[in-house]
Amino acid sequence: MKKKTVEDLQVLGKKVLVRVDFNVPIKEGVIKDDNRIKAALPTLKYLLSKGAKVIAFSHLGRIKEEADKKSKTLLPVSKRLAELLGQEVKFVPQTRGKELEDAISNLKNGEILMFENTRFEDLDGKAESKNNPELGKYWASLGDMFVNDAFGTAHRAHASNVGISENLKGNTAVGYLMEKEIKFLGGAVDNPKKPYVAILGGAKVSDKIAVIENLIEKADKILIGGGMMFTFLKAKGLNTGKSLLEEDKLDLAKEILAKAEAKGVKLVLPIDTVVAKEFNNDAPHKTVSVEDIASDDMGLDIGEKTVELFKKELEGAKTVVWNGPMGVFEMSNYAKGTIGVCEAIANLKDAITIIGGGDSAAAAIQLGYSDKFSHISTGGGASLEYLEGKVLPGLAAIDNKSCGCSCE
């Protein structure tokens, strides 16, 4: 069932609540990466151009104590948003109260305000994160309509998404960013163009179990890298030395290997790895076959032969989903595998290429390849859960688009 989009709403003169994802890195009041702010611009600009009174809001980090409020204020974000929009963004340093209500009442068509970090409410019994019904009802009362454009929190049932939606039934929609996430990730889950290749990395098998099991039902090939590869290699009887290993997941890894084989899905493991004696970028390192890992070696990246193998396996792919780095990407000596895989995907022709958020997205953006991918998800956790086939509460709460028939 398709969801209502922002263009399905009649917004002229209406107070439109917009949940955005402005959870950006800020250090000493300076925004270090404004990509998430830029990603929300199409939805905000559309609403403003149509004469809506826009009330934007977001979370920023986690608030555990009163002192966190100082470093987690959205004031710097509102200033950057004003620069990007080219118009004033009124900022209200409250999450509820008369000042906020008055500021909204005074909004004119085509104007926008932002209110303070929604997680400031978590100091009061985690009201935001636990979807306190009274808080959701209050925020809903501030507007006539609700647009959710924060895919990054769609896998969480919070007051600022599900709570508001439940109180504004019939007047909710997704924004352009959320719509794009549904189009690409939904396509990869429900109706991928074949051949379909998934590349999974990251530290632990346990983080990706459900994704792998779901992909075995849909993908033609699954390429495994990152720290999780060593659990699979160990399950195949290889020595993995001091490499990251989930001993309690070895039987599960064997089951996954057997299931993939039974389904005719090609599960490809690395053939070489970059090893060092310690977890340190400056430690002496070398590349060895996965069959030659010494007992005091620690695998920290896939090797060059594996990059070439993965490139070959990617040839002819029509859908590619990548989630998780191939090694310890934050250390330059162990980033080559991630860079090589990123380049290989970016250079594919006639393929739908999707990055499932998180470290993979950061790598692609850092390497300057962001415009080479069909889609880079803005939500690491949400994209993983979507790829697992889970229902995302923040998305499920949005009104469905009427198909003109009597179906539900």
Foldseek 3Di string as FASTA:
>chain_A
DFFFEPVNAQAAVWEEEEEFAQQADDDPLRGPDRVSLVLCVVQLVVQLVSFHEYEYEYAYDADDDPVVCVRGWCVSVQVVNCVVNVHHEAEAADLDDDVVLVVLVPGGGSYHYYYIHPNVCCVPVHCFQVQPLVSLLRVLVSTQAYEYAYLQCLQGCTSSFLSNLVNNPPRYGYYPNVVLCCVQLVCQQPPDDPQEEEEEEDAACVVQVLLLVSVLVPHQEYEYAYLHLVLLVVLVPAAQAPERYDPVCSVVSVVSVVSSVVSNRHYHGAQKFKWFLDDDLPGDIDIDGSRPADNSIYGFFGDPVRLVVVLVVCPPGAEYEYEHARGPCVRPVRNVRLVSNLVSQLPDPNHAYEYQDDPNLVVCVVVVSCVSHNYYRNHNVSSSCVSSVHRRSSVVSGHRDDPPDDDD
